[in-house]
């Protein structure tokens, strides 16, 4: 079991642009979801493609 790297409510900054890979509804594939430098807060942490610790959540 891996220790959680992020705590809920902590401010985080995006270091790479995040684009829609086609799985986010209502936007075209390739559209920006979050731009590099954006700041948000941890609201959920989970596993993505069997790699625990990826940050999942909403950015403001």
PDB file of N, CA and C in Angstrom:
ATOM      1  N   UNK A   1       0.842  -1.188   0.000  1.00  0.00           N
ATOM      2  CA  UNK A   1       0.000   0.000   0.000  1.00  0.00           C
ATOM      3  C   UNK A   1       0.878   1.239   0.000  1.00  0.00           C
ATOM      4  N   UNK A   2       0.584   2.164  -0.885  1.00  0.00           N
ATOM      5  CA  UNK A   2       1.367   3.392  -0.989  1.00  0.00           C
ATOM      6  C   UNK A   2       0.759   4.495  -0.135  1.00  0.00           C
ATOM      7  N   UNK A   3       1.619   5.312   0.420  1.00  0.00           N
ATOM      8  CA  UNK A   3       1.153   6.460   1.197  1.00  0.00           C
ATOM      9  C   UNK A   3       0.621   7.521   0.237  1.00  0.00           C
ATOM     10  N   UNK A   4      -0.392   8.226   0.655  1.00  0.00           N
ATOM     11  CA  UNK A   4      -0.963   9.300  -0.158  1.00  0.00           C
ATOM     12  C   UNK A   4       0.025  10.450  -0.246  1.00  0.00           C
ATOM     13  N   UNK A   5       0.268  10.948  -1.460  1.00  0.00           N
ATOM     14  CA  UNK A   5       1.232  12.031  -1.661  1.00  0.00           C
ATOM     15  C   UNK A   5       0.630  13.423  -1.470  1.00  0.00           C
ATOM     16  N   UNK A   6      -0.674  13.516  -1.580  1.00  0.00           N
ATOM     17  CA  UNK A   6      -1.340  14.812  -1.516  1.00  0.00           C
ATOM     18  C   UNK A   6      -2.418  14.785  -0.451  1.00  0.00           C
ATOM     19  N   UNK A   7      -2.562  15.874   0.268  1.00  0.00           N
ATOM     20  CA  UNK A   7      -3.618  15.991   1.272  1.00  0.00           C
ATOM     21  C   UNK A   7      -4.759  16.823   0.716  1.00  0.00           C
ATOM     22  N   UNK A   8      -5.964  16.502   1.130  1.00  0.00           N
ATOM     23  CA  UNK A   8      -7.144  17.231   0.680  1.00  0.00           C
ATOM     24  C   UNK A   8      -7.048  18.700   1.084  1.00  0.00           C
ATOM     25  N   UNK A   9      -7.456  19.577   0.167  1.00  0.00           N
ATOM     26  CA  UNK A   9      -7.470  21.002   0.444  1.00  0.00           C
ATOM     27  C   UNK A   9      -6.168  21.722   0.186  1.00  0.00           C
ATOM     28  N   UNK A  10      -5.105  21.007  -0.169  1.00  0.00           N
ATOM     29  CA  UNK A  10      -3.807  21.622  -0.415  1.00  0.00           C
ATOM     30  C   UNK A  10      -3.795  22.241  -1.813  1.00  0.00           C
ATOM     31  N   UNK A  11      -3.241  23.444  -1.932  1.00  0.00           N
ATOM     32  CA  UNK A  11      -3.120  24.100  -3.236  1.00  0.00           C
ATOM     33  C   UNK A  11      -2.034  23.417  -4.053  1.00  0.00           C
ATOM     34  N   UNK A  12      -2.320  23.196  -5.343  1.00  0.00           N
ATOM     35  CA  UNK A  12      -1.361  22.586  -6.261  1.00  0.00           C
ATOM     36  C   UNK A  12      -1.323  23.401  -7.548  1.00  0.00           C
ATOM     37  N   UNK A  13      -0.192  23.331  -8.258  1.00  0.00           N
ATOM     38  CA  UNK A  13      -0.028  24.053  -9.523  1.00  0.00           C
ATOM     39  C   UNK A  13       0.239  23.033 -10.624  1.00  0.00           C
ATOM     40  N   UNK A  14      -0.429  23.214 -11.769  1.00  0.00           N
ATOM     41  CA  UNK A  14      -0.269  22.319 -12.910  1.00  0.00           C
ATOM     42  C   UNK A  14       1.045  22.631 -13.613  1.00  0.00           C
ATOM     43  N   UNK A  15       1.861  21.603 -13.884  1.00  0.00           N
ATOM     44  CA  UNK A  15       3.153  21.828 -14.541  1.00  0.00           C
ATOM     45  C   UNK A  15       3.126  21.489 -16.031  1.00  0.00           C
ATOM     46  N   UNK A  16       2.053  20.833 -16.500  1.00  0.00           N
ATOM     47  CA  UNK A  16       1.891  20.529 -17.920  1.00  0.00           C
ATOM     48  C   UNK A  16       0.443  20.795 -18.322  1.00  0.00           C
ATOM     49  N   UNK A  17       0.252  21.284 -19.528  1.00  0.00           N
ATOM     50  CA  UNK A  17      -1.103  21.461 -20.031  1.00  0.00           C
ATOM     51  C   UNK A  17      -1.827  20.122 -20.046  1.00  0.00           C
ATOM     52  N   UNK A  18      -3.108  20.150 -19.711  1.00  0.00           N
ATOM     53  CA  UNK A  18      -3.931  18.946 -19.745  1.00  0.00           C
ATOM     54  C   UNK A  18      -4.984  19.154 -20.829  1.00  0.00           C
ATOM     55  N   UNK A  19      -4.995  18.237 -21.804  1.00  0.00           N
ATOM     56  CA  UNK A  19      -5.942  18.329 -22.916  1.00  0.00           C
ATOM     57  C   UNK A  19      -6.932  17.172 -22.858  1.00  0.00           C
ATOM     58  N   UNK A  20      -8.081  17.397 -23.430  1.00  0.00           N
ATOM     59  CA  UNK A  20      -9.108  16.366 -23.480  1.00  0.00           C
ATOM     60  C   UNK A  20      -8.666  15.262 -24.445  1.00  0.00           C
ATOM     61  N   UNK A  21      -8.643  14.038 -23.954  1.00  0.00           N
ATOM     62  CA  UNK A  21      -8.292  12.889 -24.804  1.00  0.00           C
ATOM     63  C   UNK A  21      -9.536  12.266 -25.427  1.00  0.00           C
ATOM     64  N   UNK A  22     -10.656  12.948 -25.282  1.00  0.00           N
ATOM     65  CA  UNK A  22     -11.909  12.455 -25.828  1.00  0.00           C
ATOM     66  C   UNK A  22     -12.820  11.843 -24.786  1.00  0.00           C
ATOM     67  N   UNK A  23     -12.339  11.733 -23.556  1.00  0.00           N
ATOM     68  CA  UNK A  23     -13.152  11.131 -22.498  1.00  0.00           C
ATOM     69  C   UNK A  23     -13.893  12.153 -21.654  1.00  0.00           C
ATOM     70  N   UNK A  24     -13.579  13.436 -21.802  1.00  0.00           N
ATOM     71  CA  UNK A  24     -14.281  14.481 -21.059  1.00  0.00           C
ATOM     72  C   UNK A  24     -15.443  14.974 -21.918  1.00  0.00           C
ATOM     73  N   UNK A  25     -16.685  14.799 -21.461  1.00  0.00           N
ATOM     74  CA  UNK A  25     -17.838  15.144 -22.289  1.00  0.00           C
ATOM     75  C   UNK A  25     -18.027  16.651 -22.459  1.00  0.00           C
ATOM     76  N   UNK A  26     -18.590  17.013 -23.608  1.00  0.00           N
ATOM     77  CA  UNK A  26     -18.939  18.404 -23.848  1.00  0.00           C
ATOM     78  C   UNK A  26     -17.824  19.251 -24.419  1.00  0.00           C
ATOM     79  N   UNK A  27     -16.662  18.651 -24.647  1.00  0.00           N
ATOM     80  CA  UNK A  27     -15.539  19.380 -25.238  1.00  0.00           C
ATOM     81  C   UNK A  27     -14.940  18.505 -26.331  1.00  0.00           C
ATOM     82  N   UNK A  28     -14.301  19.153 -27.298  1.00  0.00           N
ATOM     83  CA  UNK A  28     -13.670  18.408 -28.382  1.00  0.00           C
ATOM     84  C   UNK A  28     -12.362  17.793 -27.932  1.00  0.00           C
ATOM     85  N   UNK A  29     -11.985  16.694 -28.568  1.00  0.00           N
ATOM     86  CA  UNK A  29     -10.682  16.076 -28.319  1.00  0.00           C
ATOM     87  C   UNK A  29      -9.596  17.096 -28.649  1.00  0.00           C
ATOM     88  N   UNK A  30      -8.638  17.244 -27.747  1.00  0.00           N
ATOM     89  CA  UNK A  30      -7.548  18.199 -27.934  1.00  0.00           C
ATOM     90  C   UNK A  30      -7.766  19.544 -27.276  1.00  0.00           C
ATOM     91  N   UNK A  31      -9.009  19.847 -26.876  1.00  0.00           N
ATOM     92  CA  UNK A  31      -9.266  21.107 -26.168  1.00  0.00           C
ATOM     93  C   UNK A  31      -8.542  21.100 -24.821  1.00  0.00           C
ATOM     94  N   UNK A  32      -8.079  22.284 -24.400  1.00  0.00           N
ATOM     95  CA  UNK A  32      -7.445  22.401 -23.089  1.00  0.00           C
ATOM     96  C   UNK A  32      -8.483  22.199 -21.985  1.00  0.00           C
ATOM     97  N   UNK A  33      -8.151  21.367 -21.023  1.00  0.00           N
ATOM     98  CA  UNK A  33      -8.964  21.226 -19.811  1.00  0.00           C
ATOM     99  C   UNK A  33      -8.380  22.085 -18.702  1.00  0.00           C
ATOM    100  N   UNK A  34      -7.046  22.065 -18.572  1.00  0.00           N
ATOM    101  CA  UNK A  34      -6.335  22.865 -17.568  1.00  0.00           C
ATOM    102  C   UNK A  34      -5.027  23.321 -18.201  1.00  0.00           C
ATOM    103  N   UNK A  35      -4.721  24.590 -18.076  1.00  0.00           N
ATOM    104  CA  UNK A  35      -3.474  25.116 -18.647  1.00  0.00           C
ATOM    105  C   UNK A  35      -2.354  25.121 -17.611  1.00  0.00           C
ATOM    106  N   UNK A  36      -1.135  24.917 -18.117  1.00  0.00           N
ATOM    107  CA  UNK A  36       0.068  24.948 -17.276  1.00  0.00           C
ATOM    108  C   UNK A  36       0.085  26.242 -16.467  1.00  0.00           C
ATOM    109  N   UNK A  37       0.404  26.128 -15.188  1.00  0.00           N
ATOM    110  CA  UNK A  37       0.459  27.292 -14.308  1.00  0.00           C
ATOM    111  C   UNK A  37      -0.809  27.531 -13.517  1.00  0.00           C
ATOM    112  N   UNK A  38      -1.896  26.851 -13.900  1.00  0.00           N
ATOM    113  CA  UNK A  38      -3.157  27.004 -13.160  1.00  0.00           C
ATOM    114  C   UNK A  38      -3.007  26.457 -11.746  1.00  0.00           C
ATOM    115  N   UNK A  39      -3.704  27.085 -10.812  1.00  0.00           N
ATOM    116  CA  UNK A  39      -3.669  26.653  -9.415  1.00  0.00           C
ATOM    117  C   UNK A  39      -5.051  26.127  -9.042  1.00  0.00           C
ATOM    118  N   UNK A  40      -5.059  25.029  -8.301  1.00  0.00           N
ATOM    119  CA  UNK A  40      -6.311  24.457  -7.825  1.00  0.00           C
ATOM    120  C   UNK A  40      -6.093  23.815  -6.471  1.00  0.00           C
ATOM    121  N   UNK A  41      -7.080  23.099  -6.002  1.00  0.00           N
ATOM    122  CA  UNK A  41      -7.023  22.486  -4.680  1.00  0.00           C
ATOM    123  C   UNK A  41      -7.385  21.011  -4.782  1.00  0.00           C
ATOM    124  N   UNK A  42      -6.689  20.194  -4.026  1.00  0.00           N
ATOM    125  CA  UNK A  42      -6.929  18.758  -4.048  1.00  0.00           C
ATOM    126  C   UNK A  42      -8.301  18.470  -3.462  1.00  0.00           C
ATOM    127  N   UNK A  43      -9.144  17.801  -4.262  1.00  0.00           N
ATOM    128  CA  UNK A  43     -10.470  17.408  -3.790  1.00  0.00           C
ATOM    129  C   UNK A  43     -10.661  15.895  -3.833  1.00  0.00           C
ATOM    130  N   UNK A  44      -9.784  15.190  -4.556  1.00  0.00           N
ATOM    131  CA  UNK A  44      -9.881  13.745  -4.656  1.00  0.00           C
ATOM    132  C   UNK A  44      -8.541  13.197  -5.125  1.00  0.00           C
ATOM    133  N   UNK A  45      -8.128  12.059  -4.615  1.00  0.00           N
ATOM    134  CA  UNK A  45      -6.902  11.391  -5.042  1.00  0.00           C
ATOM    135  C   UNK A  45      -7.261   9.946  -5.329  1.00  0.00           C
ATOM    136  N   UNK A  46      -6.784   9.424  -6.449  1.00  0.00           N
ATOM    137  CA  UNK A  46      -7.133   8.058  -6.802  1.00  0.00           C
ATOM    138  C   UNK A  46      -6.047   7.400  -7.623  1.00  0.00           C
ATOM    139  N   UNK A  47      -6.409   6.322  -8.285  1.00  0.00           N
ATOM    140  CA  UNK A  47      -5.490   5.552  -9.117  1.00  0.00           C
ATOM    141  C   UNK A  47      -5.896   5.721 -10.577  1.00  0.00           C
ATOM    142  N   UNK A  48      -4.912   5.978 -11.428  1.00  0.00           N
ATOM    143  CA  UNK A  48      -5.136   6.119 -12.850  1.00  0.00           C
ATOM    144  C   UNK A  48      -4.243   5.123 -13.563  1.00  0.00           C
ATOM    145  N   UNK A  49      -4.836   4.222 -14.316  1.00  0.00           N
ATOM    146  CA  UNK A  49      -4.098   3.196 -15.053  1.00  0.00           C
ATOM    147  C   UNK A  49      -3.146   2.425 -14.133  1.00  0.00           C
ATOM    148  N   UNK A  50      -3.641   2.015 -13.001  1.00  0.00           N
ATOM    149  CA  UNK A  50      -2.915   1.221 -12.017  1.00  0.00           C
ATOM    150  C   UNK A  50      -1.656   1.914 -11.491  1.00  0.00           C
ATOM    151  N   UNK A  51      -1.612   3.220 -11.561  1.00  0.00           N
ATOM    152  CA  UNK A  51      -0.473   3.992 -11.051  1.00  0.00           C
ATOM    153  C   UNK A  51      -0.978   4.901  -9.939  1.00  0.00           C
ATOM    154  N   UNK A  52      -0.937   4.439  -8.677  1.00  0.00           N
ATOM    155  CA  UNK A  52      -1.472   5.244  -7.573  1.00  0.00           C
ATOM    156  C   UNK A  52      -0.720   6.559  -7.397  1.00  0.00           C
ATOM    157  N   UNK A  53      -1.440   7.547  -6.946  1.00  0.00           N
ATOM    158  CA  UNK A  53      -0.808   8.820  -6.620  1.00  0.00           C
ATOM    159  C   UNK A  53      -1.036   9.911  -7.642  1.00  0.00           C
ATOM    160  N   UNK A  54      -1.599   9.576  -8.804  1.00  0.00           N
ATOM    161  CA  UNK A  54      -1.933  10.646  -9.732  1.00  0.00           C
ATOM    162  C   UNK A  54      -2.966  11.545  -9.074  1.00  0.00           C
ATOM    163  N   UNK A  55      -2.838  12.799  -9.303  1.00  0.00           N
ATOM    164  CA  UNK A  55      -3.757  13.766  -8.722  1.00  0.00           C
ATOM    165  C   UNK A  55      -5.021  13.847  -9.563  1.00  0.00           C
ATOM    166  N   UNK A  56      -6.134  13.618  -8.937  1.00  0.00           N
ATOM    167  CA  UNK A  56      -7.426  13.722  -9.611  1.00  0.00           C
ATOM    168  C   UNK A  56      -8.267  14.699  -8.832  1.00  0.00           C
ATOM    169  N   UNK A  57      -8.871  15.642  -9.491  1.00  0.00           N
ATOM    170  CA  UNK A  57      -9.710  16.573  -8.762  1.00  0.00           C
ATOM    171  C   UNK A  57     -10.121  17.746  -9.624  1.00  0.00           C
ATOM    172  N   UNK A  58     -10.636  18.759  -8.983  1.00  0.00           N
ATOM    173  CA  UNK A  58     -11.129  19.933  -9.693  1.00  0.00           C
ATOM    174  C   UNK A  58     -10.208  21.109  -9.440  1.00  0.00           C
ATOM    175  N   UNK A  59      -9.979  21.875 -10.478  1.00  0.00           N
ATOM    176  CA  UNK A  59      -9.150  23.079 -10.365  1.00  0.00           C
ATOM    177  C   UNK A  59     -10.019  24.302 -10.502  1.00  0.00           C
ATOM    178  N   UNK A  60      -9.638  25.353  -9.822  1.00  0.00           N
ATOM    179  CA  UNK A  60     -10.390  26.615  -9.867  1.00  0.00           C
ATOM    180  C   UNK A  60      -9.644  27.607 -10.724  1.00  0.00           C
TER     181      UNK A  60
END
